[in-house]
Amino acid sequence: MVVRAPSSGIEGEMDVQGRRPPIALALANAATSLAAGLWTFLDRGLLGGPEAMQGSARGTSLVIVAVAVPLLIVSLAGAQRGYAAALAGWGGATLYLIYNAVLLLFLTPFNSAFLVYVAMLATGLWSAGTLLLTPQVWELGRTIARDAPARGVAVYVWVVAGLNTLLWLGTVVPALDDPHPTPMLAGTGVATNAIYVQDLAVWLPLMAVAAAWLWRREGRGAVVVLAGLVLWSVEAVSIAVDQTFGVAADPNSTVVSTTLVVPFLVLAVIGLVPLWVLLRGGRVRAATSSAPPRPAGPRRALHRTS
């Protein structure tokens, strides 16, 4: 089935040769992320700090190289061909690369790859910004917010964001009265944990607010939630892999554990369900809508979701 979007066709707005900013910046983000991931994974002498944290960083880098960058490239190619669902993959992969660029910068000691990590973060942020200025993204968001079973997904997002917030606060709040350095950071080799900072300050509030927008069937809610759901699933895989590598590097470390591997792989699969619900619901209802056709105009690309 196809969803005709004559006012915002992907091929009609983007230069397929990659000269327009959204495509060029996405490719730059893929290139810098690939460089950062390969360097971190392959150079055994690059990282400092505890062995478990080095292993964890190498595991994350493997997911960057083997999952996130390919997802970004495939999604970019699909978006250029007019597949609306590819925009969700594009946005989610970009958010994952931004998230983990911050972790490479602040959860690993300063090293020779620092400027590559900075470039990865910079291209990710600029790529996300230009993608948000792309009309196709908002057309997809409006269609899904209008036609998909959005409120069930909004509740799912609230539950996940709420439980994650309580989990982090349950770790952080008891440590506020600890002597410095707090035992909460024992074995990590860092002065503070950038995961807590990012999640509590940015990503969890953003997803909670986006779920409220989605509940009200606002297109911006669908845009953010789609990308966030992709981010959550890829990050769950990333956690499973980084825990595996961390334990392999230091089996006696208390900051990594193989008991987290299977639960996070299960969470990665579960997280794909609400993503499918949104994309499937938006596609089927939009494709079978009885709304009167729009006035004929210049033929432009189709948004295809199957």
C-alpha atoms as a PDB file:
ATOM      1  CA  MET A   1       0.000   0.000   0.000  1.00  0.00           C
ATOM      2  CA  VAL A   2       1.095   3.550  -0.542  1.00  0.00           C
ATOM      3  CA  VAL A   3       0.319   6.859   1.061  1.00  0.00           C
ATOM      4  CA  ARG A   4       0.266   9.632  -1.490  1.00  0.00           C
ATOM      5  CA  ALA A   5       1.750  12.864  -0.169  1.00  0.00           C
ATOM      6  CA  PRO A   6       1.684  15.339  -3.049  1.00  0.00           C
ATOM      7  CA  SER A   7       2.653  18.290  -0.888  1.00  0.00           C
ATOM      8  CA  SER A   8       5.811  16.807   0.611  1.00  0.00           C
ATOM      9  CA  GLY A   9       7.376  14.182  -1.591  1.00  0.00           C
ATOM     10  CA  ILE A  10      10.832  13.138  -0.525  1.00  0.00           C
ATOM     11  CA  GLU A  11      12.336  12.998  -3.965  1.00  0.00           C
ATOM     12  CA  GLY A  12      10.744  16.309  -4.804  1.00  0.00           C
ATOM     13  CA  GLU A  13      12.383  18.062  -1.834  1.00  0.00           C
ATOM     14  CA  MET A  14      15.755  16.351  -1.508  1.00  0.00           C
ATOM     15  CA  ASP A  15      18.564  16.169  -4.019  1.00  0.00           C
ATOM     16  CA  VAL A  16      19.259  12.460  -4.585  1.00  0.00           C
ATOM     17  CA  GLN A  17      22.885  13.269  -5.244  1.00  0.00           C
ATOM     18  CA  GLY A  18      23.222  14.282  -1.583  1.00  0.00           C
ATOM     19  CA  ARG A  19      23.876  18.005  -2.069  1.00  0.00           C
ATOM     20  CA  ARG A  20      21.064  19.158   0.202  1.00  0.00           C
ATOM     21  CA  PRO A  21      21.893  19.690   3.908  1.00  0.00           C
ATOM     22  CA  PRO A  22      19.812  16.844   5.462  1.00  0.00           C
ATOM     23  CA  ILE A  23      21.434  14.215   3.261  1.00  0.00           C
ATOM     24  CA  ALA A  24      24.922  15.681   3.346  1.00  0.00           C
ATOM     25  CA  LEU A  25      24.902  16.001   7.131  1.00  0.00           C
ATOM     26  CA  ALA A  26      23.494  12.495   7.581  1.00  0.00           C
ATOM     27  CA  LEU A  27      26.336  11.127   5.461  1.00  0.00           C
ATOM     28  CA  ALA A  28      28.844  13.198   7.447  1.00  0.00           C
ATOM     29  CA  ASN A  29      27.371  11.829  10.682  1.00  0.00           C
ATOM     30  CA  ALA A  30      27.650   8.282   9.340  1.00  0.00           C
ATOM     31  CA  ALA A  31      31.284   8.863   8.316  1.00  0.00           C
ATOM     32  CA  THR A  32      32.401  10.416  11.619  1.00  0.00           C
ATOM     33  CA  SER A  33      30.514   7.789  13.634  1.00  0.00           C
ATOM     34  CA  LEU A  34      32.071   4.984  11.602  1.00  0.00           C
ATOM     35  CA  ALA A  35      35.530   6.486  12.161  1.00  0.00           C
ATOM     36  CA  ALA A  36      34.918   6.889  15.895  1.00  0.00           C
ATOM     37  CA  GLY A  37      33.501   3.399  16.258  1.00  0.00           C
ATOM     38  CA  LEU A  38      36.229   1.646  14.298  1.00  0.00           C
ATOM     39  CA  TRP A  39      39.023   3.537  16.042  1.00  0.00           C
ATOM     40  CA  THR A  40      37.639   2.819  19.495  1.00  0.00           C
ATOM     41  CA  PHE A  41      36.943  -0.836  18.755  1.00  0.00           C
ATOM     42  CA  LEU A  42      40.172  -1.709  16.954  1.00  0.00           C
ATOM     43  CA  ASP A  43      42.816   0.340  18.786  1.00  0.00           C
ATOM     44  CA  ARG A  44      43.491  -1.565  22.011  1.00  0.00           C
ATOM     45  CA  GLY A  45      45.827   1.169  23.227  1.00  0.00           C
ATOM     46  CA  LEU A  46      43.405   4.056  22.750  1.00  0.00           C
ATOM     47  CA  LEU A  47      41.297   3.884  25.890  1.00  0.00           C
ATOM     48  CA  GLY A  48      42.351   4.364  29.493  1.00  0.00           C
ATOM     49  CA  GLY A  49      40.517   3.793  32.744  1.00  0.00           C
ATOM     50  CA  PRO A  50      39.150   0.573  34.249  1.00  0.00           C
ATOM     51  CA  GLU A  51      39.258  -2.534  32.072  1.00  0.00           C
ATOM     52  CA  ALA A  52      35.501  -3.085  32.363  1.00  0.00           C
ATOM     53  CA  MET A  53      34.764   0.429  31.116  1.00  0.00           C
ATOM     54  CA  GLN A  54      37.185  -0.038  28.228  1.00  0.00           C
ATOM     55  CA  GLY A  55      35.401  -3.240  27.270  1.00  0.00           C
ATOM     56  CA  SER A  56      32.027  -1.551  27.568  1.00  0.00           C
ATOM     57  CA  ALA A  57      33.156   1.289  25.283  1.00  0.00           C
ATOM     58  CA  ARG A  58      34.439  -1.205  22.730  1.00  0.00           C
ATOM     59  CA  GLY A  59      31.094  -3.030  22.835  1.00  0.00           C
ATOM     60  CA  THR A  60      29.238   0.228  22.248  1.00  0.00           C
ATOM     61  CA  SER A  61      31.576   1.028  19.368  1.00  0.00           C
ATOM     62  CA  LEU A  62      30.803  -2.338  17.772  1.00  0.00           C
ATOM     63  CA  VAL A  63      27.081  -1.516  17.819  1.00  0.00           C
ATOM     64  CA  ILE A  64      27.805   1.911  16.326  1.00  0.00           C
ATOM     65  CA  VAL A  65      29.683   0.287  13.452  1.00  0.00           C
ATOM     66  CA  ALA A  66      27.553  -2.827  12.923  1.00  0.00           C
ATOM     67  CA  VAL A  67      24.045  -1.566  13.723  1.00  0.00           C
ATOM     68  CA  ALA A  68      23.594   2.214  13.995  1.00  0.00           C
ATOM     69  CA  VAL A  69      25.609   3.381  10.990  1.00  0.00           C
ATOM     70  CA  PRO A  70      24.137   0.716   8.643  1.00  0.00           C
ATOM     71  CA  LEU A  71      20.646   1.595   9.921  1.00  0.00           C
ATOM     72  CA  LEU A  72      21.297   5.262   9.162  1.00  0.00           C
ATOM     73  CA  ILE A  73      22.573   4.522   5.638  1.00  0.00           C
ATOM     74  CA  VAL A  74      19.735   2.135   4.809  1.00  0.00           C
ATOM     75  CA  SER A  75      17.156   4.562   6.211  1.00  0.00           C
ATOM     76  CA  LEU A  76      18.652   7.430   4.233  1.00  0.00           C
ATOM     77  CA  ALA A  77      18.483   5.377   1.040  1.00  0.00           C
ATOM     78  CA  GLY A  78      14.895   4.366   1.795  1.00  0.00           C
ATOM     79  CA  ALA A  79      13.865   7.953   2.498  1.00  0.00           C
ATOM     80  CA  GLN A  80      15.317   9.079  -0.823  1.00  0.00           C
ATOM     81  CA  ARG A  81      13.189   6.419  -2.535  1.00  0.00           C
ATOM     82  CA  GLY A  82      10.077   7.662  -0.751  1.00  0.00           C
ATOM     83  CA  TYR A  83       9.605   5.170   2.087  1.00  0.00           C
ATOM     84  CA  ALA A  84       8.033   7.048   4.981  1.00  0.00           C
ATOM     85  CA  ALA A  85       9.041   4.462   7.597  1.00  0.00           C
ATOM     86  CA  ALA A  86      12.674   5.105   6.706  1.00  0.00           C
ATOM     87  CA  LEU A  87      12.379   8.566   8.255  1.00  0.00           C
ATOM     88  CA  ALA A  88      11.822   6.908  11.644  1.00  0.00           C
ATOM     89  CA  GLY A  89      14.978   4.852  11.213  1.00  0.00           C
ATOM     90  CA  TRP A  90      16.906   7.905  10.067  1.00  0.00           C
ATOM     91  CA  GLY A  91      15.835   9.943  13.081  1.00  0.00           C
ATOM     92  CA  GLY A  92      16.315   7.122  15.577  1.00  0.00           C
ATOM     93  CA  ALA A  93      19.778   6.193  14.308  1.00  0.00           C
ATOM     94  CA  THR A  94      20.794   9.849  14.480  1.00  0.00           C
ATOM     95  CA  LEU A  95      19.598  10.160  18.079  1.00  0.00           C
ATOM     96  CA  TYR A  96      21.473   6.983  19.019  1.00  0.00           C
ATOM     97  CA  LEU A  97      24.694   8.347  17.538  1.00  0.00           C
ATOM     98  CA  ILE A  98      24.248  11.654  19.387  1.00  0.00           C
ATOM     99  CA  TYR A  99      23.578   9.822  22.650  1.00  0.00           C
ATOM    100  CA  ASN A 100      26.663   7.655  22.370  1.00  0.00           C
ATOM    101  CA  ALA A 101      28.915  10.435  21.116  1.00  0.00           C
ATOM    102  CA  VAL A 102      28.278  12.094  24.483  1.00  0.00           C
ATOM    103  CA  LEU A 103      29.162   8.849  26.262  1.00  0.00           C
ATOM    104  CA  LEU A 104      32.382   8.459  24.286  1.00  0.00           C
ATOM    105  CA  LEU A 105      33.301  12.031  25.189  1.00  0.00           C
ATOM    106  CA  PHE A 106      32.461  11.894  28.893  1.00  0.00           C
ATOM    107  CA  LEU A 107      32.579   8.231  29.965  1.00  0.00           C
ATOM    108  CA  THR A 108      36.000   7.549  28.471  1.00  0.00           C
ATOM    109  CA  PRO A 109      39.176   9.356  29.563  1.00  0.00           C
ATOM    110  CA  PHE A 110      40.535  11.953  27.153  1.00  0.00           C
ATOM    111  CA  ASN A 111      42.325  10.198  24.291  1.00  0.00           C
ATOM    112  CA  SER A 112      43.615  10.643  20.730  1.00  0.00           C
ATOM    113  CA  ALA A 113      40.134  10.170  19.242  1.00  0.00           C
ATOM    114  CA  PHE A 114      38.694  13.156  21.138  1.00  0.00           C
ATOM    115  CA  LEU A 115      38.227  15.372  18.061  1.00  0.00           C
ATOM    116  CA  VAL A 116      36.657  12.482  16.147  1.00  0.00           C
ATOM    117  CA  TYR A 117      34.163  12.060  18.986  1.00  0.00           C
ATOM    118  CA  VAL A 118      33.480  15.802  18.887  1.00  0.00           C
ATOM    119  CA  ALA A 119      32.894  15.594  15.124  1.00  0.00           C
ATOM    120  CA  MET A 120      30.533  12.669  15.654  1.00  0.00           C
ATOM    121  CA  LEU A 121      28.515  14.697  18.159  1.00  0.00           C
ATOM    122  CA  ALA A 122      28.551  17.868  16.042  1.00  0.00           C
ATOM    123  CA  THR A 123      27.432  16.189  12.818  1.00  0.00           C
ATOM    124  CA  GLY A 124      24.769  14.288  14.729  1.00  0.00           C
ATOM    125  CA  LEU A 125      23.302  17.424  16.271  1.00  0.00           C
ATOM    126  CA  TRP A 126      23.343  19.365  13.001  1.00  0.00           C
ATOM    127  CA  SER A 127      21.930  16.369  11.143  1.00  0.00           C
ATOM    128  CA  ALA A 128      19.040  16.085  13.600  1.00  0.00           C
ATOM    129  CA  GLY A 129      18.365  19.807  13.300  1.00  0.00           C
ATOM    130  CA  THR A 130      18.214  19.829   9.518  1.00  0.00           C
ATOM    131  CA  LEU A 131      16.118  16.659   9.475  1.00  0.00           C
ATOM    132  CA  LEU A 132      13.548  18.404  11.662  1.00  0.00           C
ATOM    133  CA  LEU A 133      13.315  21.148   9.031  1.00  0.00           C
ATOM    134  CA  THR A 134      12.358  18.591   6.364  1.00  0.00           C
ATOM    135  CA  PRO A 135       8.637  18.775   5.413  1.00  0.00           C
ATOM    136  CA  GLN A 136       8.351  14.992   4.894  1.00  0.00           C
ATOM    137  CA  VAL A 137       9.045  14.384   8.576  1.00  0.00           C
ATOM    138  CA  TRP A 138       6.101  16.487   9.645  1.00  0.00           C
ATOM    139  CA  GLU A 139       3.825  15.033   6.975  1.00  0.00           C
ATOM    140  CA  LEU A 140       4.564  11.567   8.347  1.00  0.00           C
ATOM    141  CA  GLY A 141       4.037  12.793  11.908  1.00  0.00           C
ATOM    142  CA  ARG A 142       0.657  14.346  11.114  1.00  0.00           C
ATOM    143  CA  THR A 143      -0.519  11.222   9.282  1.00  0.00           C
ATOM    144  CA  ILE A 144       0.446   8.883  12.107  1.00  0.00           C
ATOM    145  CA  ALA A 145      -0.853  11.134  14.878  1.00  0.00           C
ATOM    146  CA  ARG A 146      -4.186  11.369  13.063  1.00  0.00           C
ATOM    147  CA  ASP A 147      -4.684   7.754  12.021  1.00  0.00           C
ATOM    148  CA  ALA A 148      -2.646   5.397  14.229  1.00  0.00           C
ATOM    149  CA  PRO A 149      -3.668   4.110  17.703  1.00  0.00           C
ATOM    150  CA  ALA A 150      -1.544   6.811  19.268  1.00  0.00           C
ATOM    151  CA  ARG A 151      -2.832   6.845  22.836  1.00  0.00           C
ATOM    152  CA  GLY A 152      -1.815   3.273  23.608  1.00  0.00           C
ATOM    153  CA  VAL A 153       1.712   4.040  22.450  1.00  0.00           C
ATOM    154  CA  ALA A 154       1.735   7.247  24.504  1.00  0.00           C
ATOM    155  CA  VAL A 155       0.927   5.223  27.629  1.00  0.00           C
ATOM    156  CA  TYR A 156       3.739   2.781  26.794  1.00  0.00           C
ATOM    157  CA  VAL A 157       6.215   5.672  26.480  1.00  0.00           C
ATOM    158  CA  TRP A 158       5.079   7.159  29.796  1.00  0.00           C
ATOM    159  CA  VAL A 159       5.497   3.812  31.547  1.00  0.00           C
ATOM    160  CA  VAL A 160       9.008   3.253  30.190  1.00  0.00           C
ATOM    161  CA  ALA A 161      10.125   6.836  30.835  1.00  0.00           C
ATOM    162  CA  GLY A 162       8.620   6.800  34.327  1.00  0.00           C
ATOM    163  CA  LEU A 163      10.188   3.483  35.343  1.00  0.00           C
ATOM    164  CA  ASN A 164      13.555   4.543  33.928  1.00  0.00           C
ATOM    165  CA  THR A 165      13.380   7.826  35.847  1.00  0.00           C
ATOM    166  CA  LEU A 166      12.540   6.054  39.102  1.00  0.00           C
ATOM    167  CA  LEU A 167      15.399   3.599  38.533  1.00  0.00           C
ATOM    168  CA  TRP A 168      17.946   6.374  38.010  1.00  0.00           C
ATOM    169  CA  LEU A 169      16.649   8.465  40.909  1.00  0.00           C
ATOM    170  CA  GLY A 170      16.715   5.378  43.113  1.00  0.00           C
ATOM    171  CA  THR A 171      20.446   5.158  42.419  1.00  0.00           C
ATOM    172  CA  VAL A 172      21.307   8.856  42.461  1.00  0.00           C
ATOM    173  CA  VAL A 173      19.283  10.196  45.418  1.00  0.00           C
ATOM    174  CA  PRO A 174      20.738   7.819  48.068  1.00  0.00           C
ATOM    175  CA  ALA A 175      24.234   8.735  46.822  1.00  0.00           C
ATOM    176  CA  LEU A 176      23.749  12.479  47.348  1.00  0.00           C
ATOM    177  CA  ASP A 177      24.964  12.199  50.974  1.00  0.00           C
ATOM    178  CA  ASP A 178      27.870   9.887  50.139  1.00  0.00           C
ATOM    179  CA  PRO A 179      31.432  11.092  50.694  1.00  0.00           C
ATOM    180  CA  HIS A 180      33.281  12.238  47.602  1.00  0.00           C
ATOM    181  CA  PRO A 181      33.953  10.321  45.451  1.00  0.00           C
ATOM    182  CA  THR A 182      30.622   8.574  45.865  1.00  0.00           C
ATOM    183  CA  PRO A 183      30.621   4.753  45.898  1.00  0.00           C
ATOM    184  CA  MET A 184      27.977   4.994  43.149  1.00  0.00           C
ATOM    185  CA  LEU A 185      30.837   5.719  40.735  1.00  0.00           C
ATOM    186  CA  ALA A 186      33.221   3.092  42.114  1.00  0.00           C
ATOM    187  CA  GLY A 187      34.890   1.151  39.336  1.00  0.00           C
ATOM    188  CA  THR A 188      33.826   3.529  36.570  1.00  0.00           C
ATOM    189  CA  GLY A 189      36.858   5.802  36.585  1.00  0.00           C
ATOM    190  CA  VAL A 190      34.728   8.920  35.978  1.00  0.00           C
ATOM    191  CA  ALA A 191      33.784  11.912  38.114  1.00  0.00           C
ATOM    192  CA  THR A 192      30.094  11.740  37.188  1.00  0.00           C
ATOM    193  CA  ASN A 193      27.882   9.514  35.055  1.00  0.00           C
ATOM    194  CA  ALA A 194      26.880  11.018  31.723  1.00  0.00           C
ATOM    195  CA  ILE A 195      24.115   8.429  31.332  1.00  0.00           C
ATOM    196  CA  TYR A 196      22.206   9.862  34.284  1.00  0.00           C
ATOM    197  CA  VAL A 197      22.841  13.401  33.064  1.00  0.00           C
ATOM    198  CA  GLN A 198      21.566  12.767  29.537  1.00  0.00           C
ATOM    199  CA  ASP A 199      18.572  10.667  30.506  1.00  0.00           C
ATOM    200  CA  LEU A 200      17.297  12.819  33.370  1.00  0.00           C
ATOM    201  CA  ALA A 201      17.964  16.181  31.717  1.00  0.00           C
ATOM    202  CA  VAL A 202      17.084  15.473  28.080  1.00  0.00           C
ATOM    203  CA  TRP A 203      15.859  12.153  26.789  1.00  0.00           C
ATOM    204  CA  LEU A 204      13.356  10.980  29.408  1.00  0.00           C
ATOM    205  CA  PRO A 205      11.631  14.389  29.760  1.00  0.00           C
ATOM    206  CA  LEU A 206      11.594  14.767  25.979  1.00  0.00           C
ATOM    207  CA  MET A 207       9.914  11.389  25.503  1.00  0.00           C
ATOM    208  CA  ALA A 208       7.392  12.098  28.266  1.00  0.00           C
ATOM    209  CA  VAL A 209       6.439  15.436  26.696  1.00  0.00           C
ATOM    210  CA  ALA A 210       6.338  13.872  23.217  1.00  0.00           C
ATOM    211  CA  ALA A 211       3.972  11.198  24.554  1.00  0.00           C
ATOM    212  CA  ALA A 212       1.673  13.987  25.771  1.00  0.00           C
ATOM    213  CA  TRP A 213       1.746  15.531  22.298  1.00  0.00           C
ATOM    214  CA  LEU A 214       1.023  12.131  20.788  1.00  0.00           C
ATOM    215  CA  TRP A 215      -1.898  11.627  23.199  1.00  0.00           C
ATOM    216  CA  ARG A 216      -3.357  14.874  21.820  1.00  0.00           C
ATOM    217  CA  ARG A 217      -2.666  13.581  18.291  1.00  0.00           C
ATOM    218  CA  GLU A 218      -0.160  16.288  17.463  1.00  0.00           C
ATOM    219  CA  GLY A 219       2.257  15.526  14.649  1.00  0.00           C
ATOM    220  CA  ARG A 220       5.296  16.638  16.637  1.00  0.00           C
ATOM    221  CA  GLY A 221       4.545  13.932  19.189  1.00  0.00           C
ATOM    222  CA  ALA A 222       4.583  11.227  16.542  1.00  0.00           C
ATOM    223  CA  VAL A 223       7.852  12.563  15.084  1.00  0.00           C
ATOM    224  CA  VAL A 224       9.700  12.498  18.408  1.00  0.00           C
ATOM    225  CA  VAL A 225       8.189   9.234  19.639  1.00  0.00           C
ATOM    226  CA  LEU A 226       9.018   7.388  16.410  1.00  0.00           C
ATOM    227  CA  ALA A 227      12.669   8.409  16.600  1.00  0.00           C
ATOM    228  CA  GLY A 228      12.775   7.795  20.345  1.00  0.00           C
ATOM    229  CA  LEU A 229      11.404   4.271  20.021  1.00  0.00           C
ATOM    230  CA  VAL A 230      14.123   3.447  17.485  1.00  0.00           C
ATOM    231  CA  LEU A 231      16.707   4.985  19.834  1.00  0.00           C
ATOM    232  CA  TRP A 232      15.454   2.883  22.747  1.00  0.00           C
ATOM    233  CA  SER A 233      15.570  -0.379  20.794  1.00  0.00           C
ATOM    234  CA  VAL A 234      19.060   0.186  19.392  1.00  0.00           C
ATOM    235  CA  GLU A 235      20.304   1.373  22.791  1.00  0.00           C
ATOM    236  CA  ALA A 236      18.909  -1.766  24.435  1.00  0.00           C
ATOM    237  CA  VAL A 237      20.959  -3.871  22.009  1.00  0.00           C
ATOM    238  CA  SER A 238      23.935  -1.620  22.729  1.00  0.00           C
ATOM    239  CA  ILE A 239      23.634  -2.171  26.480  1.00  0.00           C
ATOM    240  CA  ALA A 240      23.484  -5.939  26.009  1.00  0.00           C
ATOM    241  CA  VAL A 241      26.634  -5.857  23.884  1.00  0.00           C
ATOM    242  CA  ASP A 242      28.586  -3.420  26.064  1.00  0.00           C
ATOM    243  CA  GLN A 243      27.827  -5.493  29.152  1.00  0.00           C
ATOM    244  CA  THR A 244      29.113  -8.592  27.378  1.00  0.00           C
ATOM    245  CA  PHE A 245      32.347  -6.873  26.387  1.00  0.00           C
ATOM    246  CA  GLY A 246      32.741  -5.265  29.807  1.00  0.00           C
ATOM    247  CA  VAL A 247      32.507  -8.598  31.615  1.00  0.00           C
ATOM    248  CA  ALA A 248      34.898 -10.190  29.120  1.00  0.00           C
ATOM    249  CA  ALA A 249      37.423  -7.434  29.869  1.00  0.00           C
ATOM    250  CA  ASP A 250      37.063  -7.709  33.656  1.00  0.00           C
ATOM    251  CA  PRO A 251      34.939 -10.597  35.006  1.00  0.00           C
ATOM    252  CA  ASN A 252      35.311  -9.297  38.569  1.00  0.00           C
ATOM    253  CA  SER A 253      33.985  -5.788  37.920  1.00  0.00           C
ATOM    254  CA  THR A 254      30.856  -4.675  39.763  1.00  0.00           C
ATOM    255  CA  VAL A 255      29.847  -2.096  37.130  1.00  0.00           C
ATOM    256  CA  VAL A 256      29.004  -4.626  34.392  1.00  0.00           C
ATOM    257  CA  SER A 257      27.020  -7.851  34.455  1.00  0.00           C
ATOM    258  CA  THR A 258      25.976 -10.519  31.955  1.00  0.00           C
ATOM    259  CA  THR A 259      22.649 -10.836  33.783  1.00  0.00           C
ATOM    260  CA  LEU A 260      21.562  -7.706  31.914  1.00  0.00           C
ATOM    261  CA  VAL A 261      22.187  -9.136  28.448  1.00  0.00           C
ATOM    262  CA  VAL A 262      19.035 -11.184  27.890  1.00  0.00           C
ATOM    263  CA  PRO A 263      16.618  -8.695  29.531  1.00  0.00           C
ATOM    264  CA  PHE A 264      17.888  -5.859  27.341  1.00  0.00           C
ATOM    265  CA  LEU A 265      17.692  -7.966  24.182  1.00  0.00           C
ATOM    266  CA  VAL A 266      14.086  -8.747  25.119  1.00  0.00           C
ATOM    267  CA  LEU A 267      13.445  -5.034  25.714  1.00  0.00           C
ATOM    268  CA  ALA A 268      14.890  -4.256  22.282  1.00  0.00           C
ATOM    269  CA  VAL A 269      12.348  -6.582  20.657  1.00  0.00           C
ATOM    270  CA  ILE A 270       9.452  -5.348  22.806  1.00  0.00           C
ATOM    271  CA  GLY A 271      10.320  -1.764  21.888  1.00  0.00           C
ATOM    272  CA  LEU A 272       9.755  -2.535  18.217  1.00  0.00           C
ATOM    273  CA  VAL A 273       6.092  -3.379  18.865  1.00  0.00           C
ATOM    274  CA  PRO A 274       4.813   0.183  19.556  1.00  0.00           C
ATOM    275  CA  LEU A 275       6.958   1.398  16.654  1.00  0.00           C
ATOM    276  CA  TRP A 276       5.241  -1.114  14.368  1.00  0.00           C
ATOM    277  CA  VAL A 277       1.835  -0.143  15.798  1.00  0.00           C
ATOM    278  CA  LEU A 278       2.369   3.508  14.892  1.00  0.00           C
ATOM    279  CA  LEU A 279       3.737   2.872  11.404  1.00  0.00           C
ATOM    280  CA  ARG A 280       1.230   0.135  10.594  1.00  0.00           C
ATOM    281  CA  GLY A 281      -1.758   2.050  11.961  1.00  0.00           C
ATOM    282  CA  GLY A 282      -0.822   5.221  10.142  1.00  0.00           C
ATOM    283  CA  ARG A 283      -0.262   3.348   6.893  1.00  0.00           C
ATOM    284  CA  VAL A 284      -3.419   1.260   6.828  1.00  0.00           C
ATOM    285  CA  ARG A 285      -5.825   3.980   7.879  1.00  0.00           C
ATOM    286  CA  ALA A 286      -4.278   6.640   5.690  1.00  0.00           C
ATOM    287  CA  ALA A 287      -4.271   4.302   2.698  1.00  0.00           C
ATOM    288  CA  THR A 288      -7.933   3.373   3.190  1.00  0.00           C
ATOM    289  CA  SER A 289      -9.189   6.808   4.186  1.00  0.00           C
ATOM    290  CA  SER A 290     -12.482   7.913   2.671  1.00  0.00           C
ATOM    291  CA  ALA A 291     -11.460  11.555   2.735  1.00  0.00           C
ATOM    292  CA  PRO A 292     -11.981  13.358  -0.576  1.00  0.00           C
ATOM    293  CA  PRO A 293      -8.911  13.521  -2.807  1.00  0.00           C
ATOM    294  CA  ARG A 294      -6.798  16.662  -2.875  1.00  0.00           C
ATOM    295  CA  PRO A 295      -6.753  18.842  -5.950  1.00  0.00           C
ATOM    296  CA  ALA A 296      -4.413  17.555  -8.627  1.00  0.00           C
ATOM    297  CA  GLY A 297      -0.968  19.089  -8.662  1.00  0.00           C
ATOM    298  CA  PRO A 298       2.515  18.354  -9.920  1.00  0.00           C
ATOM    299  CA  ARG A 299       3.314  14.683  -9.511  1.00  0.00           C
ATOM    300  CA  ARG A 300       5.830  14.096  -6.779  1.00  0.00           C
ATOM    301  CA  ALA A 301       7.232  11.177  -4.843  1.00  0.00           C
ATOM    302  CA  LEU A 302       5.094   8.804  -2.799  1.00  0.00           C
ATOM    303  CA  HIS A 303       5.507   7.974   0.848  1.00  0.00           C
ATOM    304  CA  ARG A 304       5.610   4.201   0.863  1.00  0.00           C
ATOM    305  CA  THR A 305       5.528   2.138   4.032  1.00  0.00           C
ATOM    306  CA  SER A 306       5.471  -1.310   2.521  1.00  0.00           C
END
